[in-house]
Amino acid sequence: MSATQPVAVITGASQGIGAGLVQAFRSRDYRVVATSRSIEPSDDPAIVTVRGDVADPATADRVFGEALKQFGRVDTLVNNAGMFMAKPFTAYSTDDFAVYMATNVAGFFHMTRRAIEIMKEQEHGHVVTVTTSLVDQPFSSVPSALASLTKGGLNAATKSLAIEYARSGIRVNAVSPGIIKTPMHQVEAHAFLATLHPLGRMGEASEVVEAVMYLESAGFVTGEILHVDGGQAAGHHAA
């Protein structure tokens, strides 16, 4: 492996969109540090796995410590780890709120802060965060105030960081998906969830992966919230 090969750090990397991202970056000859709470070791010497909870700052220290130890650089961070729990607002418990904030907000904070520290020294880098189009177009049938509270904050932080670090050679973007076919959603719910998108179907994990890879190669794009949502954020549609 060459020291000039780029390195991507991917959170939530054990399944769904995250697992697809690992393979997509490898297909572009990136070396990858993949992390999740349940990730298994890889047979690929260009993939280092770190098991841990992104809400714990020690996980970020271990992830980026391994990235520098094994590969000597960090070019890209994809904040893919996140949680979603649809409940009426008054049904959320204090524990629900704490878990949401820990995974979606604290995880983003710990990983992104550590990544940008390294990227500033390198004078280049790219941070991409996976959020949700429910922030822009909520549905009464999918009550999701805590998703909007947390992921909406990440969209705002994406733009703020893009401006703050533009002169440091660091780009910061987000992909805002609709409802994607992942293990998070039960198959029995797919028919209903498809109706929430003007295109009349759920998204595929590969379509979110493709959006991240576009942003990765789009050197003149920063501060962008790229919707991959079958038209969901554009507005309502006839039932």
C-alpha atoms as a PDB file:
ATOM      1  CA  MET A   1       0.000   0.000   0.000  1.00  0.00           C
ATOM      2  CA  SER A   2       1.245   3.447  -0.919  1.00  0.00           C
ATOM      3  CA  ALA A   3       1.451   6.289   1.597  1.00  0.00           C
ATOM      4  CA  THR A   4      -0.197   8.485  -1.030  1.00  0.00           C
ATOM      5  CA  GLN A   5      -3.371   6.386  -1.108  1.00  0.00           C
ATOM      6  CA  PRO A   6      -6.234   8.380   0.415  1.00  0.00           C
ATOM      7  CA  VAL A   7      -7.868   7.238   3.649  1.00  0.00           C
ATOM      8  CA  ALA A   8     -11.571   7.334   4.521  1.00  0.00           C
ATOM      9  CA  VAL A   9     -13.041   6.942   7.998  1.00  0.00           C
ATOM     10  CA  ILE A  10     -16.619   5.611   7.941  1.00  0.00           C
ATOM     11  CA  THR A  11     -18.937   5.348  10.944  1.00  0.00           C
ATOM     12  CA  GLY A  12     -21.916   3.010  11.168  1.00  0.00           C
ATOM     13  CA  ALA A  13     -19.942   0.817   8.792  1.00  0.00           C
ATOM     14  CA  SER A  14     -21.149  -2.692   9.590  1.00  0.00           C
ATOM     15  CA  GLN A  15     -24.356  -2.823   7.536  1.00  0.00           C
ATOM     16  CA  GLY A  16     -26.641  -0.982   5.118  1.00  0.00           C
ATOM     17  CA  ILE A  17     -25.339   2.317   3.783  1.00  0.00           C
ATOM     18  CA  GLY A  18     -22.157   2.110   5.861  1.00  0.00           C
ATOM     19  CA  ALA A  19     -21.144  -1.298   4.517  1.00  0.00           C
ATOM     20  CA  GLY A  20     -21.837  -0.042   0.994  1.00  0.00           C
ATOM     21  CA  LEU A  21     -19.632   2.980   1.616  1.00  0.00           C
ATOM     22  CA  VAL A  22     -16.736   0.798   2.728  1.00  0.00           C
ATOM     23  CA  GLN A  23     -16.880  -1.137  -0.529  1.00  0.00           C
ATOM     24  CA  ALA A  24     -17.328   1.999  -2.641  1.00  0.00           C
ATOM     25  CA  PHE A  25     -14.258   3.687  -1.163  1.00  0.00           C
ATOM     26  CA  ARG A  26     -12.228   0.506  -1.556  1.00  0.00           C
ATOM     27  CA  SER A  27     -13.293   0.309  -5.200  1.00  0.00           C
ATOM     28  CA  ARG A  28     -11.646   3.731  -5.624  1.00  0.00           C
ATOM     29  CA  ASP A  29      -8.494   2.383  -3.975  1.00  0.00           C
ATOM     30  CA  TYR A  30      -8.974   4.216  -0.695  1.00  0.00           C
ATOM     31  CA  ARG A  31      -7.790   2.675   2.508  1.00  0.00           C
ATOM     32  CA  VAL A  32     -10.606   2.575   5.043  1.00  0.00           C
ATOM     33  CA  VAL A  33     -11.033   2.753   8.798  1.00  0.00           C
ATOM     34  CA  ALA A  34     -14.500   1.344   9.495  1.00  0.00           C
ATOM     35  CA  THR A  35     -16.208   1.640  12.851  1.00  0.00           C
ATOM     36  CA  SER A  36     -19.470   0.563  14.477  1.00  0.00           C
ATOM     37  CA  ARG A  37     -20.569  -1.087  17.687  1.00  0.00           C
ATOM     38  CA  SER A  38     -20.734  -4.516  16.039  1.00  0.00           C
ATOM     39  CA  ILE A  39     -18.151  -4.415  13.264  1.00  0.00           C
ATOM     40  CA  GLU A  40     -16.033  -7.507  12.654  1.00  0.00           C
ATOM     41  CA  PRO A  41     -12.373  -7.650  11.593  1.00  0.00           C
ATOM     42  CA  SER A  42     -11.709  -7.558   7.853  1.00  0.00           C
ATOM     43  CA  ASP A  43      -9.509  -9.857   5.779  1.00  0.00           C
ATOM     44  CA  ASP A  44      -8.605  -6.879   3.585  1.00  0.00           C
ATOM     45  CA  PRO A  45      -5.332  -5.330   4.810  1.00  0.00           C
ATOM     46  CA  ALA A  46      -6.528  -1.958   3.509  1.00  0.00           C
ATOM     47  CA  ILE A  47      -9.529  -2.013   5.883  1.00  0.00           C
ATOM     48  CA  VAL A  48      -8.979  -1.445   9.597  1.00  0.00           C
ATOM     49  CA  THR A  49     -12.016  -2.014  11.808  1.00  0.00           C
ATOM     50  CA  VAL A  50     -12.578  -0.403  15.204  1.00  0.00           C
ATOM     51  CA  ARG A  51     -15.484  -1.525  17.350  1.00  0.00           C
ATOM     52  CA  GLY A  52     -17.035   1.208  19.469  1.00  0.00           C
ATOM     53  CA  ASP A  53     -19.909   3.594  20.115  1.00  0.00           C
ATOM     54  CA  VAL A  54     -19.523   6.952  18.338  1.00  0.00           C
ATOM     55  CA  ALA A  55     -21.197   8.644  21.313  1.00  0.00           C
ATOM     56  CA  ASP A  56     -18.103   7.808  23.397  1.00  0.00           C
ATOM     57  CA  PRO A  57     -15.240  10.260  22.749  1.00  0.00           C
ATOM     58  CA  ALA A  58     -12.798   7.413  23.380  1.00  0.00           C
ATOM     59  CA  THR A  59     -14.064   5.759  20.195  1.00  0.00           C
ATOM     60  CA  ALA A  60     -13.024   8.769  18.112  1.00  0.00           C
ATOM     61  CA  ASP A  61      -9.601   8.734  19.768  1.00  0.00           C
ATOM     62  CA  ARG A  62      -9.177   5.039  18.911  1.00  0.00           C
ATOM     63  CA  VAL A  63     -10.485   5.400  15.362  1.00  0.00           C
ATOM     64  CA  PHE A  64      -8.246   8.292  14.398  1.00  0.00           C
ATOM     65  CA  GLY A  65      -5.333   6.875  16.373  1.00  0.00           C
ATOM     66  CA  GLU A  66      -5.568   3.708  14.268  1.00  0.00           C
ATOM     67  CA  ALA A  67      -5.941   5.714  11.065  1.00  0.00           C
ATOM     68  CA  LEU A  68      -2.720   7.605  11.731  1.00  0.00           C
ATOM     69  CA  LYS A  69      -0.875   4.556  13.060  1.00  0.00           C
ATOM     70  CA  GLN A  70      -1.818   2.262  10.169  1.00  0.00           C
ATOM     71  CA  PHE A  71      -2.096   4.705   7.271  1.00  0.00           C
ATOM     72  CA  GLY A  72      -0.579   8.035   8.375  1.00  0.00           C
ATOM     73  CA  ARG A  73      -3.366  10.291   7.130  1.00  0.00           C
ATOM     74  CA  VAL A  74      -7.130  10.964   7.019  1.00  0.00           C
ATOM     75  CA  ASP A  75      -8.621  12.395   3.845  1.00  0.00           C
ATOM     76  CA  THR A  76     -12.340  11.829   4.353  1.00  0.00           C
ATOM     77  CA  LEU A  77     -14.768  11.280   7.211  1.00  0.00           C
ATOM     78  CA  VAL A  78     -18.257   9.965   6.520  1.00  0.00           C
ATOM     79  CA  ASN A  79     -20.542  10.453   9.525  1.00  0.00           C
ATOM     80  CA  ASN A  80     -23.008   7.696   8.680  1.00  0.00           C
ATOM     81  CA  ALA A  81     -23.828   6.392  12.163  1.00  0.00           C
ATOM     82  CA  GLY A  82     -27.198   7.540  13.389  1.00  0.00           C
ATOM     83  CA  MET A  83     -30.496   6.459  14.854  1.00  0.00           C
ATOM     84  CA  PHE A  84     -34.159   6.983  14.047  1.00  0.00           C
ATOM     85  CA  MET A  85     -37.147   6.338  16.289  1.00  0.00           C
ATOM     86  CA  ALA A  86     -40.587   7.506  15.137  1.00  0.00           C
ATOM     87  CA  LYS A  87     -42.788   8.423  18.109  1.00  0.00           C
ATOM     88  CA  PRO A  88     -45.260  11.159  18.975  1.00  0.00           C
ATOM     89  CA  PHE A  89     -43.263  13.930  20.608  1.00  0.00           C
ATOM     90  CA  THR A  90     -44.838  13.514  24.049  1.00  0.00           C
ATOM     91  CA  ALA A  91     -44.166   9.755  23.953  1.00  0.00           C
ATOM     92  CA  TYR A  92     -40.398  10.222  23.838  1.00  0.00           C
ATOM     93  CA  SER A  93     -38.787   9.475  27.178  1.00  0.00           C
ATOM     94  CA  THR A  94     -35.840  11.250  28.716  1.00  0.00           C
ATOM     95  CA  ASP A  95     -33.802   8.158  27.855  1.00  0.00           C
ATOM     96  CA  ASP A  96     -34.944   8.330  24.211  1.00  0.00           C
ATOM     97  CA  PHE A  97     -33.792  11.945  24.072  1.00  0.00           C
ATOM     98  CA  ALA A  98     -30.436  11.069  25.618  1.00  0.00           C
ATOM     99  CA  VAL A  99     -29.820   8.244  23.126  1.00  0.00           C
ATOM    100  CA  TYR A 100     -30.782  10.447  20.178  1.00  0.00           C
ATOM    101  CA  MET A 101     -28.455  13.228  21.275  1.00  0.00           C
ATOM    102  CA  ALA A 102     -25.615  10.829  22.058  1.00  0.00           C
ATOM    103  CA  THR A 103     -25.682   8.997  18.741  1.00  0.00           C
ATOM    104  CA  ASN A 104     -26.697  11.722  16.293  1.00  0.00           C
ATOM    105  CA  VAL A 105     -25.124  14.820  17.847  1.00  0.00           C
ATOM    106  CA  ALA A 106     -22.335  13.762  20.224  1.00  0.00           C
ATOM    107  CA  GLY A 107     -21.147  11.151  17.712  1.00  0.00           C
ATOM    108  CA  PHE A 108     -20.919  13.796  14.999  1.00  0.00           C
ATOM    109  CA  PHE A 109     -19.143  16.192  17.348  1.00  0.00           C
ATOM    110  CA  HIS A 110     -16.471  13.773  18.576  1.00  0.00           C
ATOM    111  CA  MET A 111     -15.682  12.284  15.169  1.00  0.00           C
ATOM    112  CA  THR A 112     -15.759  15.538  13.214  1.00  0.00           C
ATOM    113  CA  ARG A 113     -13.702  17.506  15.715  1.00  0.00           C
ATOM    114  CA  ARG A 114     -10.967  14.870  15.651  1.00  0.00           C
ATOM    115  CA  ALA A 115     -11.060  14.601  11.857  1.00  0.00           C
ATOM    116  CA  ILE A 116     -10.807  18.340  11.292  1.00  0.00           C
ATOM    117  CA  GLU A 117      -7.839  18.604  13.682  1.00  0.00           C
ATOM    118  CA  ILE A 118      -5.960  16.177  11.417  1.00  0.00           C
ATOM    119  CA  MET A 119      -7.238  17.686   8.171  1.00  0.00           C
ATOM    120  CA  LYS A 120      -6.132  21.182   9.221  1.00  0.00           C
ATOM    121  CA  GLU A 121      -2.577  19.939   9.605  1.00  0.00           C
ATOM    122  CA  GLN A 122      -2.766  18.267   6.188  1.00  0.00           C
ATOM    123  CA  GLU A 123      -4.432  21.383   4.690  1.00  0.00           C
ATOM    124  CA  HIS A 124      -7.035  19.251   2.955  1.00  0.00           C
ATOM    125  CA  GLY A 125      -9.938  16.956   3.777  1.00  0.00           C
ATOM    126  CA  HIS A 126     -13.621  16.245   3.311  1.00  0.00           C
ATOM    127  CA  VAL A 127     -16.387  15.584   5.845  1.00  0.00           C
ATOM    128  CA  VAL A 128     -19.729  14.149   4.697  1.00  0.00           C
ATOM    129  CA  THR A 129     -22.648  13.586   7.068  1.00  0.00           C
ATOM    130  CA  VAL A 130     -25.765  11.513   6.392  1.00  0.00           C
ATOM    131  CA  THR A 131     -28.853  13.343   7.670  1.00  0.00           C
ATOM    132  CA  THR A 132     -32.546  13.015   6.659  1.00  0.00           C
ATOM    133  CA  SER A 133     -35.027  14.804   4.404  1.00  0.00           C
ATOM    134  CA  LEU A 134     -37.621  14.626   7.176  1.00  0.00           C
ATOM    135  CA  VAL A 135     -35.861  17.756   8.440  1.00  0.00           C
ATOM    136  CA  ASP A 136     -37.131  19.660   5.409  1.00  0.00           C
ATOM    137  CA  GLN A 137     -40.457  17.915   4.830  1.00  0.00           C
ATOM    138  CA  PRO A 138     -41.924  16.254   7.955  1.00  0.00           C
ATOM    139  CA  PHE A 139     -44.913  13.922   7.794  1.00  0.00           C
ATOM    140  CA  SER A 140     -47.652  13.644  10.389  1.00  0.00           C
ATOM    141  CA  SER A 141     -47.716   9.902   9.659  1.00  0.00           C
ATOM    142  CA  VAL A 142     -44.038   9.588  10.635  1.00  0.00           C
ATOM    143  CA  PRO A 143     -43.658  11.685  13.813  1.00  0.00           C
ATOM    144  CA  SER A 144     -39.985  12.529  13.960  1.00  0.00           C
ATOM    145  CA  ALA A 145     -39.335  15.664  15.980  1.00  0.00           C
ATOM    146  CA  LEU A 146     -36.150  14.290  17.552  1.00  0.00           C
ATOM    147  CA  ALA A 147     -34.806  13.345  14.131  1.00  0.00           C
ATOM    148  CA  SER A 148     -35.452  16.917  13.002  1.00  0.00           C
ATOM    149  CA  LEU A 149     -33.923  18.341  16.174  1.00  0.00           C
ATOM    150  CA  THR A 150     -30.712  16.348  15.824  1.00  0.00           C
ATOM    151  CA  LYS A 151     -30.260  15.887  12.077  1.00  0.00           C
ATOM    152  CA  GLY A 152     -31.451  19.422  11.382  1.00  0.00           C
ATOM    153  CA  GLY A 153     -28.670  20.607  13.645  1.00  0.00           C
ATOM    154  CA  LEU A 154     -26.187  18.583  11.605  1.00  0.00           C
ATOM    155  CA  ASN A 155     -27.360  20.228   8.381  1.00  0.00           C
ATOM    156  CA  ALA A 156     -26.812  23.649   9.966  1.00  0.00           C
ATOM    157  CA  ALA A 157     -23.415  22.624  11.345  1.00  0.00           C
ATOM    158  CA  THR A 158     -22.417  21.341   7.905  1.00  0.00           C
ATOM    159  CA  LYS A 159     -22.861  24.805   6.391  1.00  0.00           C
ATOM    160  CA  SER A 160     -21.169  26.509   9.325  1.00  0.00           C
ATOM    161  CA  LEU A 161     -18.125  24.234   9.204  1.00  0.00           C
ATOM    162  CA  ALA A 162     -17.906  24.539   5.417  1.00  0.00           C
ATOM    163  CA  ILE A 163     -17.476  28.293   5.768  1.00  0.00           C
ATOM    164  CA  GLU A 164     -15.210  28.103   8.807  1.00  0.00           C
ATOM    165  CA  TYR A 165     -12.723  25.723   7.180  1.00  0.00           C
ATOM    166  CA  ALA A 166     -12.964  26.581   3.482  1.00  0.00           C
ATOM    167  CA  ARG A 167      -9.638  28.436   3.548  1.00  0.00           C
ATOM    168  CA  SER A 168      -8.051  25.430   5.256  1.00  0.00           C
ATOM    169  CA  GLY A 169      -8.740  23.243   2.237  1.00  0.00           C
ATOM    170  CA  ILE A 170     -11.473  21.287   4.029  1.00  0.00           C
ATOM    171  CA  ARG A 171     -14.844  20.689   2.394  1.00  0.00           C
ATOM    172  CA  VAL A 172     -17.926  19.836   4.483  1.00  0.00           C
ATOM    173  CA  ASN A 173     -21.122  18.440   2.939  1.00  0.00           C
ATOM    174  CA  ALA A 174     -24.163  16.340   3.801  1.00  0.00           C
ATOM    175  CA  VAL A 175     -26.385  13.821   2.073  1.00  0.00           C
ATOM    176  CA  SER A 176     -30.036  14.080   3.098  1.00  0.00           C
ATOM    177  CA  PRO A 177     -31.795  10.815   2.230  1.00  0.00           C
ATOM    178  CA  GLY A 178     -35.440   9.944   2.094  1.00  0.00           C
ATOM    179  CA  ILE A 179     -36.482   6.638   3.593  1.00  0.00           C
ATOM    180  CA  ILE A 180     -33.982   4.013   2.493  1.00  0.00           C
ATOM    181  CA  LYS A 181     -34.266   0.229   2.406  1.00  0.00           C
ATOM    182  CA  THR A 182     -31.966  -0.734   5.257  1.00  0.00           C
ATOM    183  CA  PRO A 183     -32.259  -3.124   8.223  1.00  0.00           C
ATOM    184  CA  MET A 184     -33.657  -0.144  10.186  1.00  0.00           C
ATOM    185  CA  HIS A 185     -37.055  -0.570   8.454  1.00  0.00           C
ATOM    186  CA  GLN A 186     -39.140  -3.735   8.625  1.00  0.00           C
ATOM    187  CA  VAL A 187     -40.102  -5.236   5.268  1.00  0.00           C
ATOM    188  CA  GLU A 188     -43.807  -5.122   6.216  1.00  0.00           C
ATOM    189  CA  ALA A 189     -43.588  -1.311   6.335  1.00  0.00           C
ATOM    190  CA  HIS A 190     -41.961  -0.875   2.926  1.00  0.00           C
ATOM    191  CA  ALA A 191     -45.209  -0.471   0.950  1.00  0.00           C
ATOM    192  CA  PHE A 192     -46.377   2.361   3.212  1.00  0.00           C
ATOM    193  CA  LEU A 193     -42.963   4.017   3.344  1.00  0.00           C
ATOM    194  CA  ALA A 194     -42.783   4.006  -0.465  1.00  0.00           C
ATOM    195  CA  THR A 195     -45.875   6.221  -0.602  1.00  0.00           C
ATOM    196  CA  LEU A 196     -44.088   9.001   1.282  1.00  0.00           C
ATOM    197  CA  HIS A 197     -41.906   9.814  -1.748  1.00  0.00           C
ATOM    198  CA  PRO A 198     -43.201  11.532  -4.907  1.00  0.00           C
ATOM    199  CA  LEU A 199     -41.328   8.939  -6.997  1.00  0.00           C
ATOM    200  CA  GLY A 200     -43.413   6.253  -5.287  1.00  0.00           C
ATOM    201  CA  ARG A 201     -40.656   4.068  -3.909  1.00  0.00           C
ATOM    202  CA  MET A 202     -38.118   3.836  -1.136  1.00  0.00           C
ATOM    203  CA  GLY A 203     -34.504   4.614  -1.860  1.00  0.00           C
ATOM    204  CA  GLU A 204     -31.759   2.037  -2.126  1.00  0.00           C
ATOM    205  CA  ALA A 205     -28.645   2.158   0.039  1.00  0.00           C
ATOM    206  CA  SER A 206     -26.577   2.204  -3.152  1.00  0.00           C
ATOM    207  CA  GLU A 207     -28.185   5.515  -4.155  1.00  0.00           C
ATOM    208  CA  VAL A 208     -27.025   7.189  -0.949  1.00  0.00           C
ATOM    209  CA  VAL A 209     -23.575   5.686  -1.454  1.00  0.00           C
ATOM    210  CA  GLU A 210     -23.456   7.112  -4.984  1.00  0.00           C
ATOM    211  CA  ALA A 211     -24.341  10.571  -3.637  1.00  0.00           C
ATOM    212  CA  VAL A 212     -21.530  10.427  -1.068  1.00  0.00           C
ATOM    213  CA  MET A 213     -19.083   9.354  -3.765  1.00  0.00           C
ATOM    214  CA  TYR A 214     -20.213  12.214  -6.004  1.00  0.00           C
ATOM    215  CA  LEU A 215     -19.526  14.705  -3.213  1.00  0.00           C
ATOM    216  CA  GLU A 216     -16.178  13.060  -2.592  1.00  0.00           C
ATOM    217  CA  SER A 217     -15.093  13.803  -6.151  1.00  0.00           C
ATOM    218  CA  ALA A 218     -16.785  17.229  -6.450  1.00  0.00           C
ATOM    219  CA  GLY A 219     -13.914  19.476  -5.473  1.00  0.00           C
ATOM    220  CA  PHE A 220     -15.831  22.736  -5.980  1.00  0.00           C
ATOM    221  CA  VAL A 221     -18.779  21.666  -3.781  1.00  0.00           C
ATOM    222  CA  THR A 222     -18.874  22.539  -0.091  1.00  0.00           C
ATOM    223  CA  GLY A 223     -21.659  23.464   2.315  1.00  0.00           C
ATOM    224  CA  GLU A 224     -24.073  21.392   0.224  1.00  0.00           C
ATOM    225  CA  ILE A 225     -27.059  19.445   1.602  1.00  0.00           C
ATOM    226  CA  LEU A 226     -27.649  16.953  -1.232  1.00  0.00           C
ATOM    227  CA  HIS A 227     -31.154  15.475  -1.155  1.00  0.00           C
ATOM    228  CA  VAL A 228     -31.479  11.866  -2.259  1.00  0.00           C
ATOM    229  CA  ASP A 229     -35.119  11.420  -1.402  1.00  0.00           C
ATOM    230  CA  GLY A 230     -37.320  10.726  -4.394  1.00  0.00           C
ATOM    231  CA  GLY A 231     -38.549  14.323  -4.359  1.00  0.00           C
ATOM    232  CA  GLN A 232     -39.555  14.278  -0.694  1.00  0.00           C
ATOM    233  CA  ALA A 233     -37.911  17.601   0.211  1.00  0.00           C
ATOM    234  CA  ALA A 234     -39.380  19.345  -2.835  1.00  0.00           C
ATOM    235  CA  GLY A 235     -42.915  19.267  -1.453  1.00  0.00           C
ATOM    236  CA  HIS A 236     -46.103  17.314  -1.043  1.00  0.00           C
ATOM    237  CA  HIS A 237     -47.627  15.105  -3.678  1.00  0.00           C
ATOM    238  CA  ALA A 238     -51.115  13.774  -4.331  1.00  0.00           C
ATOM    239  CA  ALA A 239     -51.889  10.516  -2.572  1.00  0.00           C
END
